Amino acid sequence: MEEMTIQDIRLDCSPSVRLMLGKYCDTSRARTRGRRKYVFTDQIDQLIREIYLSHRDAKTRPGIQLLAKRVGMPHWALKKRARELGLARTKELPWSEPELAILS
């Protein structure tokens, strides 16, 4: 039998290993490793684009809440996807003095 490290055992987490390791068995990571929690389709991306591009100057986007309920995802995941698509941005910090000096 090949030798296993404790890390391999923790990732295995079969019922017999769980009894042996108890609280050290990391079932959550073994189950979800390599899988995205929310999968975005082209159709969902298009709906997000429509919401963000239809009201470009809006401070809030109530359509995101409605879309979140319709597709069964949390609104923050849709907003994060909008940032990934380049539709929304994270507010940047003001420029520092050295950065302003470079511009002068």
PDB file of N, CA and C in Angstrom:
ATOM      1  N   MET A   1       0.844  -1.179   0.000  1.00  0.00           N
ATOM      2  CA  MET A   1       0.000   0.000   0.000  1.00  0.00           C
ATOM      3  C   MET A   1       0.891   1.244   0.000  1.00  0.00           C
ATOM      4  N   GLU A   2       0.539   2.238  -0.834  1.00  0.00           N
ATOM      5  CA  GLU A   2       1.356   3.448  -0.909  1.00  0.00           C
ATOM      6  C   GLU A   2       1.129   4.332   0.314  1.00  0.00           C
ATOM      7  N   GLU A   3       2.142   5.076   0.647  1.00  0.00           N
ATOM      8  CA  GLU A   3       2.085   5.911   1.829  1.00  0.00           C
ATOM      9  C   GLU A   3       1.311   7.194   1.523  1.00  0.00           C
ATOM     10  N   MET A   4       0.400   7.567   2.412  1.00  0.00           N
ATOM     11  CA  MET A   4      -0.397   8.784   2.216  1.00  0.00           C
ATOM     12  C   MET A   4       0.020   9.831   3.236  1.00  0.00           C
ATOM     13  N   THR A   5       0.006  11.076   2.796  1.00  0.00           N
ATOM     14  CA  THR A   5       0.284  12.162   3.729  1.00  0.00           C
ATOM     15  C   THR A   5      -1.006  12.533   4.447  1.00  0.00           C
ATOM     16  N   ILE A   6      -0.890  13.304   5.514  1.00  0.00           N
ATOM     17  CA  ILE A   6      -2.083  13.730   6.257  1.00  0.00           C
ATOM     18  C   ILE A   6      -2.971  14.591   5.361  1.00  0.00           C
ATOM     19  N   GLN A   7      -2.364  15.362   4.459  1.00  0.00           N
ATOM     20  CA  GLN A   7      -3.141  16.196   3.541  1.00  0.00           C
ATOM     21  C   GLN A   7      -4.010  15.314   2.629  1.00  0.00           C
ATOM     22  N   ASP A   8      -3.445  14.219   2.105  1.00  0.00           N
ATOM     23  CA  ASP A   8      -4.218  13.310   1.262  1.00  0.00           C
ATOM     24  C   ASP A   8      -5.376  12.703   2.043  1.00  0.00           C
ATOM     25  N   ILE A   9      -5.120  12.360   3.284  1.00  0.00           N
ATOM     26  CA  ILE A   9      -6.167  11.758   4.113  1.00  0.00           C
ATOM     27  C   ILE A   9      -7.267  12.770   4.383  1.00  0.00           C
ATOM     28  N   ARG A  10      -6.889  14.028   4.658  1.00  0.00           N
ATOM     29  CA  ARG A  10      -7.891  15.062   4.941  1.00  0.00           C
ATOM     30  C   ARG A  10      -8.770  15.301   3.716  1.00  0.00           C
ATOM     31  N   LEU A  11      -8.188  15.201   2.523  1.00  0.00           N
ATOM     32  CA  LEU A  11      -8.974  15.429   1.314  1.00  0.00           C
ATOM     33  C   LEU A  11      -9.834  14.219   0.960  1.00  0.00           C
ATOM     34  N   ASP A  12      -9.435  13.038   1.391  1.00  0.00           N
ATOM     35  CA  ASP A  12     -10.190  11.827   1.099  1.00  0.00           C
ATOM     36  C   ASP A  12     -11.538  11.856   1.815  1.00  0.00           C
ATOM     37  N   CYS A  13     -11.531  11.930   3.102  1.00  0.00           N
ATOM     38  CA  CYS A  13     -12.723  12.063   3.939  1.00  0.00           C
ATOM     39  C   CYS A  13     -13.797  11.030   3.670  1.00  0.00           C
ATOM     40  N   SER A  14     -13.426   9.808   3.424  1.00  0.00           N
ATOM     41  CA  SER A  14     -14.419   8.742   3.340  1.00  0.00           C
ATOM     42  C   SER A  14     -14.946   8.497   4.750  1.00  0.00           C
ATOM     43  N   PRO A  15     -16.073   7.816   4.899  1.00  0.00           N
ATOM     44  CA  PRO A  15     -16.649   7.623   6.240  1.00  0.00           C
ATOM     45  C   PRO A  15     -15.684   7.014   7.250  1.00  0.00           C
ATOM     46  N   SER A  16     -14.857   6.058   6.821  1.00  0.00           N
ATOM     47  CA  SER A  16     -13.920   5.441   7.773  1.00  0.00           C
ATOM     48  C   SER A  16     -12.834   6.437   8.183  1.00  0.00           C
ATOM     49  N   VAL A  17     -12.396   7.259   7.254  1.00  0.00           N
ATOM     50  CA  VAL A  17     -11.383   8.270   7.573  1.00  0.00           C
ATOM     51  C   VAL A  17     -11.987   9.333   8.476  1.00  0.00           C
ATOM     52  N   ARG A  18     -13.243   9.701   8.236  1.00  0.00           N
ATOM     53  CA  ARG A  18     -13.908  10.697   9.075  1.00  0.00           C
ATOM     54  C   ARG A  18     -13.975  10.253  10.526  1.00  0.00           C
ATOM     55  N   LEU A  19     -14.241   8.965  10.747  1.00  0.00           N
ATOM     56  CA  LEU A  19     -14.272   8.447  12.112  1.00  0.00           C
ATOM     57  C   LEU A  19     -12.904   8.546  12.766  1.00  0.00           C
ATOM     58  N   MET A  20     -11.868   8.311  11.965  1.00  0.00           N
ATOM     59  CA  MET A  20     -10.517   8.318  12.486  1.00  0.00           C
ATOM     60  C   MET A  20     -10.030   9.750  12.787  1.00  0.00           C
ATOM     61  N   LEU A  21     -10.356  10.702  11.898  1.00  0.00           N
ATOM     62  CA  LEU A  21      -9.829  12.054  12.037  1.00  0.00           C
ATOM     63  C   LEU A  21     -10.749  12.997  12.793  1.00  0.00           C
ATOM     64  N   GLY A  22     -12.034  12.737  12.775  1.00  0.00           N
ATOM     65  CA  GLY A  22     -12.985  13.598  13.473  1.00  0.00           C
ATOM     66  C   GLY A  22     -13.008  15.001  12.912  1.00  0.00           C
ATOM     67  N   LYS A  23     -12.704  15.986  13.756  1.00  0.00           N
ATOM     68  CA  LYS A  23     -12.823  17.382  13.361  1.00  0.00           C
ATOM     69  C   LYS A  23     -11.780  17.800  12.338  1.00  0.00           C
ATOM     70  N   TYR A  24     -10.746  17.001  12.103  1.00  0.00           N
ATOM     71  CA  TYR A  24      -9.701  17.388  11.156  1.00  0.00           C
ATOM     72  C   TYR A  24     -10.048  17.069   9.713  1.00  0.00           C
ATOM     73  N   CYS A  25     -11.155  16.437   9.487  1.00  0.00           N
ATOM     74  CA  CYS A  25     -11.556  16.079   8.126  1.00  0.00           C
ATOM     75  C   CYS A  25     -12.205  17.281   7.464  1.00  0.00           C
ATOM     76  N   ASP A  26     -11.617  17.769   6.400  1.00  0.00           N
ATOM     77  CA  ASP A  26     -12.068  18.985   5.729  1.00  0.00           C
ATOM     78  C   ASP A  26     -12.993  18.605   4.570  1.00  0.00           C
ATOM     79  N   THR A  27     -14.254  18.346   4.868  1.00  0.00           N
ATOM     80  CA  THR A  27     -15.178  17.885   3.836  1.00  0.00           C
ATOM     81  C   THR A  27     -15.576  18.988   2.875  1.00  0.00           C
ATOM     82  N   SER A  28     -15.658  20.222   3.336  1.00  0.00           N
ATOM     83  CA  SER A  28     -16.111  21.299   2.455  1.00  0.00           C
ATOM     84  C   SER A  28     -15.140  21.513   1.301  1.00  0.00           C
ATOM     85  N   ARG A  29     -13.851  21.492   1.569  1.00  0.00           N
ATOM     86  CA  ARG A  29     -12.875  21.722   0.518  1.00  0.00           C
ATOM     87  C   ARG A  29     -12.785  20.526  -0.419  1.00  0.00           C
ATOM     88  N   ALA A  30     -12.939  19.334   0.107  1.00  0.00           N
ATOM     89  CA  ALA A  30     -12.864  18.138  -0.720  1.00  0.00           C
ATOM     90  C   ALA A  30     -14.039  18.082  -1.685  1.00  0.00           C
ATOM     91  N   ARG A  31     -15.171  18.576  -1.261  1.00  0.00           N
ATOM     92  CA  ARG A  31     -16.373  18.518  -2.071  1.00  0.00           C
ATOM     93  C   ARG A  31     -16.387  19.558  -3.183  1.00  0.00           C
ATOM     94  N   THR A  32     -15.913  20.764  -2.905  1.00  0.00           N
ATOM     95  CA  THR A  32     -16.080  21.860  -3.857  1.00  0.00           C
ATOM     96  C   THR A  32     -14.799  22.246  -4.582  1.00  0.00           C
ATOM     97  N   ARG A  33     -13.751  21.506  -4.426  1.00  0.00           N
ATOM     98  CA  ARG A  33     -12.502  21.886  -5.051  1.00  0.00           C
ATOM     99  C   ARG A  33     -12.641  21.897  -6.571  1.00  0.00           C
ATOM    100  N   GLY A  34     -12.233  23.005  -7.214  1.00  0.00           N
ATOM    101  CA  GLY A  34     -12.238  23.088  -8.664  1.00  0.00           C
ATOM    102  C   GLY A  34     -13.595  23.381  -9.276  1.00  0.00           C
ATOM    103  N   ARG A  35     -14.568  23.810  -8.498  1.00  0.00           N
ATOM    104  CA  ARG A  35     -15.903  24.041  -9.021  1.00  0.00           C
ATOM    105  C   ARG A  35     -16.336  25.459  -8.683  1.00  0.00           C
ATOM    106  N   ARG A  36     -16.869  26.166  -9.661  1.00  0.00           N
ATOM    107  CA  ARG A  36     -17.379  27.508  -9.400  1.00  0.00           C
ATOM    108  C   ARG A  36     -18.749  27.404  -8.763  1.00  0.00           C
ATOM    109  N   LYS A  37     -19.017  28.273  -7.817  1.00  0.00           N
ATOM    110  CA  LYS A  37     -20.295  28.224  -7.121  1.00  0.00           C
ATOM    111  C   LYS A  37     -21.430  28.703  -8.017  1.00  0.00           C
ATOM    112  N   TYR A  38     -21.191  29.785  -8.765  1.00  0.00           N
ATOM    113  CA  TYR A  38     -22.224  30.340  -9.644  1.00  0.00           C
ATOM    114  C   TYR A  38     -21.713  30.292 -11.077  1.00  0.00           C
ATOM    115  N   VAL A  39     -22.493  29.678 -11.938  1.00  0.00           N
ATOM    116  CA  VAL A  39     -22.113  29.540 -13.336  1.00  0.00           C
ATOM    117  C   VAL A  39     -22.920  30.537 -14.151  1.00  0.00           C
ATOM    118  N   PHE A  40     -22.206  31.398 -14.875  1.00  0.00           N
ATOM    119  CA  PHE A  40     -22.852  32.431 -15.676  1.00  0.00           C
ATOM    120  C   PHE A  40     -22.896  32.002 -17.130  1.00  0.00           C
ATOM    121  N   THR A  41     -24.067  32.078 -17.716  1.00  0.00           N
ATOM    122  CA  THR A  41     -24.245  31.740 -19.119  1.00  0.00           C
ATOM    123  C   THR A  41     -24.200  33.017 -19.942  1.00  0.00           C
ATOM    124  N   ASP A  42     -24.137  32.868 -21.262  1.00  0.00           N
ATOM    125  CA  ASP A  42     -24.168  34.034 -22.153  1.00  0.00           C
ATOM    126  C   ASP A  42     -25.477  34.798 -21.987  1.00  0.00           C
ATOM    127  N   GLN A  43     -26.541  34.075 -21.740  1.00  0.00           N
ATOM    128  CA  GLN A  43     -27.855  34.699 -21.561  1.00  0.00           C
ATOM    129  C   GLN A  43     -27.877  35.579 -20.298  1.00  0.00           C
ATOM    130  N   ILE A  44     -27.334  35.099 -19.200  1.00  0.00           N
ATOM    131  CA  ILE A  44     -27.277  35.892 -17.967  1.00  0.00           C
ATOM    132  C   ILE A  44     -26.368  37.094 -18.162  1.00  0.00           C
ATOM    133  N   ASP A  45     -25.221  36.889 -18.826  1.00  0.00           N
ATOM    134  CA  ASP A  45     -24.316  38.011 -19.103  1.00  0.00           C
ATOM    135  C   ASP A  45     -25.017  39.089 -19.927  1.00  0.00           C
ATOM    136  N   GLN A  46     -25.810  38.680 -20.901  1.00  0.00           N
ATOM    137  CA  GLN A  46     -26.529  39.644 -21.737  1.00  0.00           C
ATOM    138  C   GLN A  46     -27.561  40.421 -20.916  1.00  0.00           C
ATOM    139  N   LEU A  47     -28.250  39.752 -20.016  1.00  0.00           N
ATOM    140  CA  LEU A  47     -29.220  40.439 -19.159  1.00  0.00           C
ATOM    141  C   LEU A  47     -28.529  41.431 -18.223  1.00  0.00           C
ATOM    142  N   ILE A  48     -27.362  41.071 -17.711  1.00  0.00           N
ATOM    143  CA  ILE A  48     -26.599  41.994 -16.863  1.00  0.00           C
ATOM    144  C   ILE A  48     -26.183  43.211 -17.687  1.00  0.00           C
ATOM    145  N   ARG A  49     -25.717  42.984 -18.905  1.00  0.00           N
ATOM    146  CA  ARG A  49     -25.323  44.106 -19.784  1.00  0.00           C
ATOM    147  C   ARG A  49     -26.502  45.041 -20.030  1.00  0.00           C
ATOM    148  N   GLU A  50     -27.667  44.474 -20.302  1.00  0.00           N
ATOM    149  CA  GLU A  50     -28.847  45.304 -20.562  1.00  0.00           C
ATOM    150  C   GLU A  50     -29.186  46.176 -19.357  1.00  0.00           C
ATOM    151  N   ILE A  51     -29.093  45.614 -18.158  1.00  0.00           N
ATOM    152  CA  ILE A  51     -29.406  46.377 -16.946  1.00  0.00           C
ATOM    153  C   ILE A  51     -28.407  47.515 -16.765  1.00  0.00           C
ATOM    154  N   TYR A  52     -27.125  47.226 -16.932  1.00  0.00           N
ATOM    155  CA  TYR A  52     -26.107  48.251 -16.697  1.00  0.00           C
ATOM    156  C   TYR A  52     -26.053  49.290 -17.817  1.00  0.00           C
ATOM    157  N   LEU A  53     -26.317  48.897 -19.050  1.00  0.00           N
ATOM    158  CA  LEU A  53     -26.201  49.840 -20.161  1.00  0.00           C
ATOM    159  C   LEU A  53     -27.472  50.653 -20.402  1.00  0.00           C
ATOM    160  N   SER A  54     -28.612  50.190 -19.902  1.00  0.00           N
ATOM    161  CA  SER A  54     -29.859  50.931 -20.123  1.00  0.00           C
ATOM    162  C   SER A  54     -29.942  52.182 -19.256  1.00  0.00           C
ATOM    163  N   HIS A  55     -29.319  52.178 -18.078  1.00  0.00           N
ATOM    164  CA  HIS A  55     -29.307  53.339 -17.187  1.00  0.00           C
ATOM    165  C   HIS A  55     -27.870  53.589 -16.755  1.00  0.00           C
ATOM    166  N   ARG A  56     -27.092  54.171 -17.650  1.00  0.00           N
ATOM    167  CA  ARG A  56     -25.661  54.328 -17.400  1.00  0.00           C
ATOM    168  C   ARG A  56     -25.338  55.197 -16.186  1.00  0.00           C
ATOM    169  N   ASP A  57     -26.122  56.246 -15.917  1.00  0.00           N
ATOM    170  CA  ASP A  57     -25.809  57.181 -14.838  1.00  0.00           C
ATOM    171  C   ASP A  57     -26.535  56.866 -13.532  1.00  0.00           C
ATOM    172  N   ALA A  58     -27.203  55.750 -13.467  1.00  0.00           N
ATOM    173  CA  ALA A  58     -27.966  55.412 -12.258  1.00  0.00           C
ATOM    174  C   ALA A  58     -27.032  55.068 -11.108  1.00  0.00           C
ATOM    175  N   LYS A  59     -27.386  55.513  -9.914  1.00  0.00           N
ATOM    176  CA  LYS A  59     -26.581  55.184  -8.730  1.00  0.00           C
ATOM    177  C   LYS A  59     -26.919  53.783  -8.228  1.00  0.00           C
ATOM    178  N   THR A  60     -28.170  53.377  -8.364  1.00  0.00           N
ATOM    179  CA  THR A  60     -28.572  52.027  -7.959  1.00  0.00           C
ATOM    180  C   THR A  60     -29.158  51.313  -9.167  1.00  0.00           C
ATOM    181  N   ARG A  61     -29.171  50.026  -9.118  1.00  0.00           N
ATOM    182  CA  ARG A  61     -29.696  49.216 -10.217  1.00  0.00           C
ATOM    183  C   ARG A  61     -30.717  48.228  -9.657  1.00  0.00           C
ATOM    184  N   PRO A  62     -31.982  48.648  -9.552  1.00  0.00           N
ATOM    185  CA  PRO A  62     -32.993  47.735  -9.001  1.00  0.00           C
ATOM    186  C   PRO A  62     -33.209  46.502  -9.872  1.00  0.00           C
ATOM    187  N   GLY A  63     -32.849  46.587 -11.140  1.00  0.00           N
ATOM    188  CA  GLY A  63     -32.996  45.440 -12.030  1.00  0.00           C
ATOM    189  C   GLY A  63     -32.122  44.271 -11.621  1.00  0.00           C
ATOM    190  N   ILE A  64     -31.019  44.549 -10.945  1.00  0.00           N
ATOM    191  CA  ILE A  64     -30.124  43.475 -10.496  1.00  0.00           C
ATOM    192  C   ILE A  64     -30.816  42.614  -9.450  1.00  0.00           C
ATOM    193  N   GLN A  65     -31.562  43.241  -8.544  1.00  0.00           N
ATOM    194  CA  GLN A  65     -32.298  42.479  -7.522  1.00  0.00           C
ATOM    195  C   GLN A  65     -33.326  41.565  -8.185  1.00  0.00           C
ATOM    196  N   LEU A  66     -34.023  42.093  -9.174  1.00  0.00           N
ATOM    197  CA  LEU A  66     -35.044  41.289  -9.865  1.00  0.00           C
ATOM    198  C   LEU A  66     -34.405  40.141 -10.634  1.00  0.00           C
ATOM    199  N   LEU A  67     -33.289  40.435 -11.304  1.00  0.00           N
ATOM    200  CA  LEU A  67     -32.587  39.385 -12.049  1.00  0.00           C
ATOM    201  C   LEU A  67     -32.045  38.318 -11.094  1.00  0.00           C
ATOM    202  N   ALA A  68     -31.569  38.746  -9.929  1.00  0.00           N
ATOM    203  CA  ALA A  68     -31.047  37.793  -8.944  1.00  0.00           C
ATOM    204  C   ALA A  68     -32.134  36.806  -8.525  1.00  0.00           C
ATOM    205  N   LYS A  69     -33.328  37.309  -8.294  1.00  0.00           N
ATOM    206  CA  LYS A  69     -34.439  36.419  -7.923  1.00  0.00           C
ATOM    207  C   LYS A  69     -34.808  35.496  -9.081  1.00  0.00           C
ATOM    208  N   ARG A  70     -34.764  36.050 -10.303  1.00  0.00           N
ATOM    209  CA  ARG A  70     -35.164  35.270 -11.475  1.00  0.00           C
ATOM    210  C   ARG A  70     -34.210  34.117 -11.765  1.00  0.00           C
ATOM    211  N   VAL A  71     -32.894  34.361 -11.612  1.00  0.00           N
ATOM    212  CA  VAL A  71     -31.924  33.315 -11.939  1.00  0.00           C
ATOM    213  C   VAL A  71     -31.479  32.509 -10.725  1.00  0.00           C
ATOM    214  N   GLY A  72     -31.905  32.927  -9.525  1.00  0.00           N
ATOM    215  CA  GLY A  72     -31.592  32.162  -8.322  1.00  0.00           C
ATOM    216  C   GLY A  72     -30.164  32.332  -7.834  1.00  0.00           C
ATOM    217  N   MET A  73     -29.620  33.530  -7.996  1.00  0.00           N
ATOM    218  CA  MET A  73     -28.274  33.842  -7.512  1.00  0.00           C
ATOM    219  C   MET A  73     -28.356  35.068  -6.616  1.00  0.00           C
ATOM    220  N   PRO A  74     -27.404  35.245  -5.723  1.00  0.00           N
ATOM    221  CA  PRO A  74     -27.409  36.459  -4.915  1.00  0.00           C
ATOM    222  C   PRO A  74     -27.022  37.677  -5.754  1.00  0.00           C
ATOM    223  N   HIS A  75     -27.538  38.842  -5.368  1.00  0.00           N
ATOM    224  CA  HIS A  75     -27.291  40.057  -6.157  1.00  0.00           C
ATOM    225  C   HIS A  75     -25.815  40.414  -6.182  1.00  0.00           C
ATOM    226  N   TRP A  76     -25.085  40.102  -5.110  1.00  0.00           N
ATOM    227  CA  TRP A  76     -23.665  40.457  -5.088  1.00  0.00           C
ATOM    228  C   TRP A  76     -22.875  39.664  -6.125  1.00  0.00           C
ATOM    229  N   ALA A  77     -23.311  38.444  -6.435  1.00  0.00           N
ATOM    230  CA  ALA A  77     -22.624  37.643  -7.446  1.00  0.00           C
ATOM    231  C   ALA A  77     -22.831  38.250  -8.826  1.00  0.00           C
ATOM    232  N   LEU A  78     -24.030  38.782  -9.070  1.00  0.00           N
ATOM    233  CA  LEU A  78     -24.297  39.435 -10.351  1.00  0.00           C
ATOM    234  C   LEU A  78     -23.502  40.730 -10.474  1.00  0.00           C
ATOM    235  N   LYS A  79     -23.376  41.468  -9.376  1.00  0.00           N
ATOM    236  CA  LYS A  79     -22.585  42.709  -9.396  1.00  0.00           C
ATOM    237  C   LYS A  79     -21.109  42.400  -9.611  1.00  0.00           C
ATOM    238  N   LYS A  80     -20.635  41.334  -9.006  1.00  0.00           N
ATOM    239  CA  LYS A  80     -19.242  40.929  -9.200  1.00  0.00           C
ATOM    240  C   LYS A  80     -19.011  40.554 -10.661  1.00  0.00           C
ATOM    241  N   ARG A  81     -19.977  39.859 -11.254  1.00  0.00           N
ATOM    242  CA  ARG A  81     -19.867  39.490 -12.663  1.00  0.00           C
ATOM    243  C   ARG A  81     -19.869  40.742 -13.547  1.00  0.00           C
ATOM    244  N   ALA A  82     -20.655  41.752 -13.173  1.00  0.00           N
ATOM    245  CA  ALA A  82     -20.669  43.007 -13.931  1.00  0.00           C
ATOM    246  C   ALA A  82     -19.296  43.667 -13.893  1.00  0.00           C
ATOM    247  N   ARG A  83     -18.624  43.602 -12.755  1.00  0.00           N
ATOM    248  CA  ARG A  83     -17.257  44.141 -12.671  1.00  0.00           C
ATOM    249  C   ARG A  83     -16.318  43.361 -13.569  1.00  0.00           C
ATOM    250  N   GLU A  84     -16.454  42.030 -13.592  1.00  0.00           N
ATOM    251  CA  GLU A  84     -15.612  41.190 -14.442  1.00  0.00           C
ATOM    252  C   GLU A  84     -15.842  41.487 -15.920  1.00  0.00           C
ATOM    253  N   LEU A  85     -17.089  41.841 -16.276  1.00  0.00           N
ATOM    254  CA  LEU A  85     -17.418  42.164 -17.660  1.00  0.00           C
ATOM    255  C   LEU A  85     -17.036  43.595 -18.035  1.00  0.00           C
ATOM    256  N   GLY A  86     -16.589  44.373 -17.055  1.00  0.00           N
ATOM    257  CA  GLY A  86     -16.181  45.746 -17.329  1.00  0.00           C
ATOM    258  C   GLY A  86     -17.332  46.733 -17.339  1.00  0.00           C
ATOM    259  N   LEU A  87     -18.463  46.358 -16.786  1.00  0.00           N
ATOM    260  CA  LEU A  87     -19.635  47.229 -16.784  1.00  0.00           C
ATOM    261  C   LEU A  87     -19.675  48.121 -15.553  1.00  0.00           C
ATOM    262  N   ALA A  88     -19.096  47.692 -14.484  1.00  0.00           N
ATOM    263  CA  ALA A  88     -19.077  48.450 -13.235  1.00  0.00           C
ATOM    264  C   ALA A  88     -17.631  48.493 -12.766  1.00  0.00           C
ATOM    265  N   ARG A  89     -17.344  49.433 -11.903  1.00  0.00           N
ATOM    266  CA  ARG A  89     -15.972  49.519 -11.422  1.00  0.00           C
ATOM    267  C   ARG A  89     -15.956  49.693  -9.907  1.00  0.00           C
ATOM    268  N   THR A  90     -14.849  49.302  -9.324  1.00  0.00           N
ATOM    269  CA  THR A  90     -14.625  49.518  -7.908  1.00  0.00           C
ATOM    270  C   THR A  90     -14.018  50.899  -7.750  1.00  0.00           C
ATOM    271  N   LYS A  91     -14.512  51.666  -6.803  1.00  0.00           N
ATOM    272  CA  LYS A  91     -14.016  53.022  -6.609  1.00  0.00           C
ATOM    273  C   LYS A  91     -12.536  52.988  -6.240  1.00  0.00           C
ATOM    274  N   GLU A  92     -11.776  53.820  -6.921  1.00  0.00           N
ATOM    275  CA  GLU A  92     -10.338  53.869  -6.684  1.00  0.00           C
ATOM    276  C   GLU A  92     -10.007  54.952  -5.666  1.00  0.00           C
ATOM    277  N   LEU A  93      -8.901  54.777  -4.983  1.00  0.00           N
ATOM    278  CA  LEU A  93      -8.439  55.763  -4.019  1.00  0.00           C
ATOM    279  C   LEU A  93      -7.960  57.020  -4.738  1.00  0.00           C
ATOM    280  N   PRO A  94      -8.017  58.190  -4.077  1.00  0.00           N
ATOM    281  CA  PRO A  94      -7.476  59.410  -4.698  1.00  0.00           C
ATOM    282  C   PRO A  94      -5.976  59.267  -4.947  1.00  0.00           C
ATOM    283  N   TRP A  95      -5.468  60.020  -5.919  1.00  0.00           N
ATOM    284  CA  TRP A  95      -4.053  59.929  -6.248  1.00  0.00           C
ATOM    285  C   TRP A  95      -3.204  60.470  -5.111  1.00  0.00           C
ATOM    286  N   SER A  96      -2.048  59.868  -4.920  1.00  0.00           N
ATOM    287  CA  SER A  96      -1.127  60.311  -3.871  1.00  0.00           C
ATOM    288  C   SER A  96      -0.264  61.460  -4.404  1.00  0.00           C
ATOM    289  N   GLU A  97       0.452  62.113  -3.488  1.00  0.00           N
ATOM    290  CA  GLU A  97       1.330  63.230  -3.866  1.00  0.00           C
ATOM    291  C   GLU A  97       2.396  62.807  -4.876  1.00  0.00           C
ATOM    292  N   PRO A  98       3.093  61.665  -4.689  1.00  0.00           N
ATOM    293  CA  PRO A  98       4.094  61.249  -5.689  1.00  0.00           C
ATOM    294  C   PRO A  98       3.470  61.025  -7.072  1.00  0.00           C
ATOM    295  N   GLU A  99       2.267  60.483  -7.120  1.00  0.00           N
ATOM    296  CA  GLU A  99       1.600  60.273  -8.407  1.00  0.00           C
ATOM    297  C   GLU A  99       1.258  61.594  -9.065  1.00  0.00           C
ATOM    298  N   LEU A 100       0.790  62.551  -8.263  1.00  0.00           N
ATOM    299  CA  LEU A 100       0.485  63.891  -8.807  1.00  0.00           C
ATOM    300  C   LEU A 100       1.752  64.579  -9.296  1.00  0.00           C
ATOM    301  N   ALA A 101       2.875  64.362  -8.613  1.00  0.00           N
ATOM    302  CA  ALA A 101       4.147  64.961  -9.027  1.00  0.00           C
ATOM    303  C   ALA A 101       4.583  64.428 -10.384  1.00  0.00           C
ATOM    304  N   ILE A 102       4.309  63.165 -10.663  1.00  0.00           N
ATOM    305  CA  ILE A 102       4.668  62.573 -11.955  1.00  0.00           C
ATOM    306  C   ILE A 102       3.889  63.251 -13.079  1.00  0.00           C
ATOM    307  N   LEU A 103       2.634  63.601 -12.804  1.00  0.00           N
ATOM    308  CA  LEU A 103       1.801  64.251 -13.821  1.00  0.00           C
ATOM    309  C   LEU A 103       2.234  65.681 -14.115  1.00  0.00           C
ATOM    310  N   SER A 104       2.860  66.342 -13.162  1.00  0.00           N
ATOM    311  CA  SER A 104       3.255  67.752 -13.332  1.00  0.00           C
ATOM    312  C   SER A 104       4.460  67.917 -14.192  1.00  0.00           C
TER     313      SER A 104
END
